[in-house]
Amino acid sequence: MAELGALWIVRHGESTANVAASAAESNGAELIDLTHRDADVPLSDTGEQQARATARWLAGLPADRRPDVAVVSPYLRAMRTAELALADTGIPASVDERLRDRELGILDGLTGHGVARRFPDEAARRHRLGKFYYRPPGGESWTDVALRLRTLLGDLRRDHQGRRVLLFGHDALVFLLRYLVEGLSEAELMGLTREHVIANCSVTGWSADAAGRLTPDIFNDVTHLHAQGAPPTTEDEIHAEPV
């Protein structure tokens, strides 16, 4: 199948749930103090600042490096990040539900401590199966998310051959795109998740080499945030699970 000219993914800016999740984990709470369903979580003030810094990074790219098209997660925090980052760029954007964050089912809104206290059998099952294959009741495994991303990549390659595509999504998607694009093993992928936390509004990207294959350029890069004076943040999503 024909390849893209370049591919990037930007994790959304810091959200109010990122802040609440970090506070809950630090305090040893079982529940995260949430006032919205996951799809409706807004950006924090810092997240809005990060998204505007990303807009200045995009505006500064030379014409032959600027994305041709953007595809965005339907979750509010990603859509708002894209709205701010793409303002005045003229880059057309569409929404695709395959870029939504991983669904956690009955573990939604719980910290790791909360899962261990309220669902000890699930905690044990997760430990036995491992992070890659564990599917919480009513939720998704990492492999489930990889499957929907694999179909999205296929459609992007078919519809945007040779073009530069920018995605706006979530931290698990950044890791899983590396898994899919670079052909990583489960062990290599899980090693990345232990070594890195995907920063808010970080950029990860690949470009086509001389043979037309996507090869990695940057990973979890926040140089543009430092350059624009926007504070980088590295809060995890509400994953209720250890790395």
Protein backbone atom coordinates (compact mmCIF):
# COMPACT_ATOMS: atom_id res chain seq x y z
CA MET A 1 0.00 0.00 0.00
CA ALA A 2 1.23 3.51 -0.79
CA GLU A 3 2.65 5.46 2.13
CA LEU A 4 2.01 8.90 3.57
CA GLY A 5 4.51 11.69 3.02
CA ALA A 6 4.67 12.38 6.76
CA LEU A 7 2.66 11.60 9.87
CA TRP A 8 2.51 13.41 13.20
CA ILE A 9 0.45 12.96 16.34
CA VAL A 10 -0.02 15.66 18.99
CA ARG A 11 -1.31 14.64 22.39
CA HIS A 12 -3.99 17.04 23.62
CA GLY A 13 -3.08 19.84 26.01
CA GLU A 14 -3.34 19.41 29.75
CA SER A 15 -6.93 18.71 30.78
CA THR A 16 -8.75 19.32 34.02
CA ALA A 17 -8.97 15.54 34.46
CA ASN A 18 -5.18 15.20 34.11
CA VAL A 19 -4.82 17.59 37.03
CA ALA A 20 -7.51 15.81 39.08
CA ALA A 21 -6.00 12.37 38.39
CA SER A 22 -2.54 13.48 39.50
CA ALA A 23 -4.00 14.94 42.70
CA ALA A 24 -6.00 11.78 43.44
CA GLU A 25 -3.00 9.50 42.94
CA SER A 26 -0.81 11.74 45.12
CA ASN A 27 -3.44 11.74 47.89
CA GLY A 28 -4.01 7.97 47.81
CA ALA A 29 -7.66 8.45 46.84
CA GLU A 30 -9.71 5.68 45.27
CA LEU A 31 -11.79 7.97 43.05
CA ILE A 32 -10.74 10.82 40.80
CA ASP A 33 -12.75 14.00 41.35
CA LEU A 34 -14.41 14.29 37.94
CA THR A 35 -17.31 16.49 36.93
CA HIS A 36 -17.50 15.44 33.26
CA ARG A 37 -17.67 12.18 31.37
CA ASP A 38 -14.35 11.35 29.73
CA ALA A 39 -15.44 12.56 26.29
CA ASP A 40 -16.37 15.99 27.67
CA VAL A 41 -13.30 16.81 29.79
CA PRO A 42 -12.06 20.33 28.88
CA LEU A 43 -8.55 21.71 28.74
CA SER A 44 -7.09 23.44 31.77
CA ASP A 45 -5.80 27.00 31.40
CA THR A 46 -2.33 25.52 30.99
CA GLY A 47 -3.64 23.18 28.31
CA GLU A 48 -5.04 26.13 26.35
CA GLN A 49 -1.67 27.85 26.60
CA GLN A 50 0.06 24.72 25.32
CA ALA A 51 -2.33 24.46 22.37
CA ARG A 52 -1.69 28.07 21.37
CA ALA A 53 2.05 27.41 21.54
CA THR A 54 1.50 24.47 19.20
CA ALA A 55 -0.29 26.84 16.81
CA ARG A 56 2.80 29.07 16.72
CA TRP A 57 4.95 26.01 16.00
CA LEU A 58 2.72 25.02 13.08
CA ALA A 59 2.68 28.57 11.72
CA GLY A 60 6.48 28.58 11.72
CA LEU A 61 6.89 25.41 9.66
CA PRO A 62 8.07 25.89 6.06
CA ALA A 63 5.44 25.23 3.43
CA ASP A 64 7.03 21.93 2.40
CA ARG A 65 6.82 20.63 5.99
CA ARG A 66 3.40 21.90 7.00
CA PRO A 67 0.63 19.28 7.34
CA ASP A 68 -1.80 19.00 4.46
CA VAL A 69 -4.67 17.66 6.57
CA ALA A 70 -5.53 17.02 10.23
CA VAL A 71 -7.63 14.26 11.82
CA VAL A 72 -8.89 14.73 15.37
CA SER A 73 -10.22 12.62 18.24
CA PRO A 74 -13.87 13.45 19.03
CA TYR A 75 -13.06 14.01 22.72
CA LEU A 76 -13.42 17.64 23.76
CA ARG A 77 -9.86 18.05 25.06
CA ALA A 78 -8.43 16.92 21.72
CA MET A 79 -10.92 18.91 19.64
CA ARG A 80 -10.16 22.09 21.58
CA THR A 81 -6.43 21.49 21.22
CA ALA A 82 -6.87 21.11 17.46
CA GLU A 83 -9.13 24.14 17.25
CA LEU A 84 -6.51 26.36 18.88
CA ALA A 85 -3.51 24.75 17.18
CA LEU A 86 -5.00 24.93 13.68
CA ALA A 87 -6.43 28.44 13.96
CA ASP A 88 -5.57 30.54 10.90
CA THR A 89 -3.46 27.75 9.35
CA GLY A 90 -5.95 26.80 6.66
CA ILE A 91 -5.27 23.12 7.37
CA PRO A 92 -8.54 21.19 6.85
CA ALA A 93 -9.55 18.99 9.78
CA SER A 94 -11.97 16.12 10.27
CA VAL A 95 -13.04 14.13 13.33
CA ASP A 96 -12.60 10.36 13.55
CA GLU A 97 -13.85 8.34 16.53
CA ARG A 98 -11.04 5.82 16.01
CA LEU A 99 -8.74 8.41 17.61
CA ARG A 100 -10.68 8.48 20.89
CA ASP A 101 -8.90 7.55 24.11
CA ARG A 102 -8.90 3.99 25.42
CA GLU A 103 -12.18 3.11 27.15
CA LEU A 104 -11.80 1.79 30.71
CA GLY A 105 -15.26 0.33 31.38
CA ILE A 106 -15.87 -0.37 35.07
CA LEU A 107 -12.46 1.07 35.99
CA ASP A 108 -13.33 4.52 34.64
CA GLY A 109 -12.67 7.24 37.21
CA LEU A 110 -10.66 5.01 39.57
CA THR A 111 -7.04 5.40 40.58
CA GLY A 112 -4.73 2.39 40.68
CA HIS A 113 -5.35 2.26 44.44
CA GLY A 114 -9.09 2.37 43.82
CA VAL A 115 -8.94 -0.58 41.43
CA ALA A 116 -6.98 -2.65 43.94
CA ARG A 117 -9.48 -1.87 46.72
CA ARG A 118 -12.75 -2.13 44.79
CA PHE A 119 -11.93 -4.74 42.14
CA PRO A 120 -9.15 -6.96 43.51
CA ASP A 121 -10.04 -9.79 41.13
CA GLU A 122 -9.65 -7.44 38.16
CA ALA A 123 -6.34 -6.19 39.52
CA ALA A 124 -5.13 -9.78 39.74
CA ARG A 125 -6.39 -10.59 36.23
CA ARG A 126 -4.69 -7.49 34.85
CA HIS A 127 -1.44 -8.52 36.50
CA ARG A 128 -1.70 -12.01 35.02
CA LEU A 129 -2.59 -10.93 31.47
CA GLY A 130 -0.31 -7.91 31.30
CA LYS A 131 -1.02 -4.37 30.19
CA PHE A 132 -1.11 -5.14 26.47
CA TYR A 133 -3.89 -7.75 26.49
CA TYR A 134 -5.90 -6.90 29.60
CA ARG A 135 -9.44 -5.71 28.78
CA PRO A 136 -11.44 -4.26 31.70
CA PRO A 137 -15.11 -5.27 31.72
CA GLY A 138 -16.93 -2.87 29.42
CA GLY A 139 -13.66 -1.36 28.23
CA GLU A 140 -10.83 -1.88 25.75
CA SER A 141 -7.44 -3.56 25.79
CA TRP A 142 -4.43 -1.93 24.18
CA THR A 143 -4.82 -4.45 21.36
CA ASP A 144 -8.41 -3.27 20.80
CA VAL A 145 -7.16 0.29 20.39
CA ALA A 146 -4.37 -0.92 18.09
CA LEU A 147 -6.96 -2.59 15.86
CA ARG A 148 -8.96 0.59 15.34
CA LEU A 149 -5.76 2.57 14.76
CA ARG A 150 -4.64 -0.02 12.20
CA THR A 151 -7.85 0.54 10.21
CA LEU A 152 -7.42 4.31 10.46
CA LEU A 153 -3.86 4.10 9.14
CA GLY A 154 -5.05 2.00 6.24
CA ASP A 155 -7.67 4.58 5.33
CA LEU A 156 -5.18 7.46 5.65
CA ARG A 157 -2.71 5.70 3.37
CA ARG A 158 -5.44 5.07 0.82
CA ASP A 159 -6.94 8.58 0.91
CA HIS A 160 -3.82 10.71 1.46
CA GLN A 161 -1.03 9.01 -0.46
CA GLY A 162 2.12 11.15 -0.33
CA ARG A 163 0.48 13.80 1.85
CA ARG A 164 1.44 15.03 5.32
CA VAL A 165 -1.13 14.11 7.98
CA LEU A 166 -1.40 15.53 11.51
CA LEU A 167 -3.37 13.66 14.18
CA PHE A 168 -4.65 15.01 17.51
CA GLY A 169 -5.25 12.35 20.13
CA HIS A 170 -4.24 10.77 23.43
CA ASP A 171 -1.17 9.31 25.06
CA ALA A 172 -1.92 5.61 24.48
CA LEU A 173 -2.37 6.38 20.78
CA VAL A 174 1.12 7.86 20.58
CA PHE A 175 2.64 4.65 21.90
CA LEU A 176 0.45 2.47 19.70
CA LEU A 177 1.25 4.41 16.55
CA ARG A 178 4.91 3.70 17.22
CA TYR A 179 3.97 0.03 17.62
CA LEU A 180 2.11 -0.01 14.30
CA VAL A 181 4.25 2.28 12.14
CA GLU A 182 7.62 0.96 13.35
CA GLY A 183 6.62 -2.69 13.75
CA LEU A 184 7.53 -2.88 17.43
CA SER A 185 7.06 -6.03 19.50
CA GLU A 186 4.88 -6.15 22.60
CA ALA A 187 8.03 -6.12 24.75
CA GLU A 188 9.42 -3.07 22.95
CA LEU A 189 6.12 -1.23 23.26
CA MET A 190 5.74 -1.98 26.95
CA GLY A 191 9.35 -0.88 27.48
CA LEU A 192 8.47 2.51 26.00
CA THR A 193 5.49 2.87 28.33
CA ARG A 194 7.72 2.17 31.35
CA GLU A 195 10.37 4.66 30.25
CA HIS A 196 8.22 7.56 29.05
CA VAL A 197 5.14 9.58 29.93
CA ILE A 198 3.72 11.34 26.88
CA ALA A 199 3.75 15.07 27.53
CA ASN A 200 0.71 17.22 26.87
CA CYS A 201 0.90 18.83 23.41
CA SER A 202 4.06 16.85 22.64
CA VAL A 203 4.78 16.03 19.00
CA THR A 204 5.69 12.58 17.69
CA GLY A 205 6.32 12.16 13.99
CA TRP A 206 7.53 10.09 11.07
CA SER A 207 8.51 11.03 7.52
CA ALA A 208 8.85 8.97 4.35
CA ASP A 209 12.40 7.89 3.50
CA ALA A 210 13.84 7.45 0.00
CA ALA A 211 12.08 4.10 -0.28
CA GLY A 212 8.75 5.63 0.75
CA ARG A 213 8.67 4.03 4.22
CA LEU A 214 7.68 6.04 7.27
CA THR A 215 10.67 6.40 9.60
CA PRO A 216 10.70 8.11 13.02
CA ASP A 217 11.71 11.78 13.26
CA ILE A 218 10.75 12.93 16.74
CA PHE A 219 9.17 11.38 19.80
CA ASN A 220 7.38 13.07 22.69
CA ASP A 221 8.98 16.38 21.73
CA VAL A 222 8.07 19.59 23.59
CA THR A 223 10.75 21.87 22.17
CA HIS A 224 8.04 24.11 20.73
CA LEU A 225 6.47 24.58 24.18
CA HIS A 226 9.79 25.67 25.69
CA ALA A 227 10.40 27.98 22.74
CA GLN A 228 7.00 29.65 23.16
CA GLY A 229 7.16 29.90 26.96
CA ALA A 230 4.35 27.40 27.55
CA PRO A 231 4.88 25.11 30.57
CA PRO A 232 5.25 21.41 29.62
CA THR A 233 3.20 18.94 31.68
CA THR A 234 3.38 15.16 31.79
CA GLU A 235 0.29 13.99 33.66
CA ASP A 236 -0.94 10.53 32.73
CA GLU A 237 -4.40 9.99 31.40
CA ILE A 238 -6.94 8.39 33.75
CA HIS A 239 -5.71 4.85 33.16
CA ALA A 240 -6.18 3.36 36.63
CA GLU A 241 -3.33 0.98 36.06
CA PRO A 242 0.39 0.76 36.74
CA VAL A 243 2.93 0.79 33.93
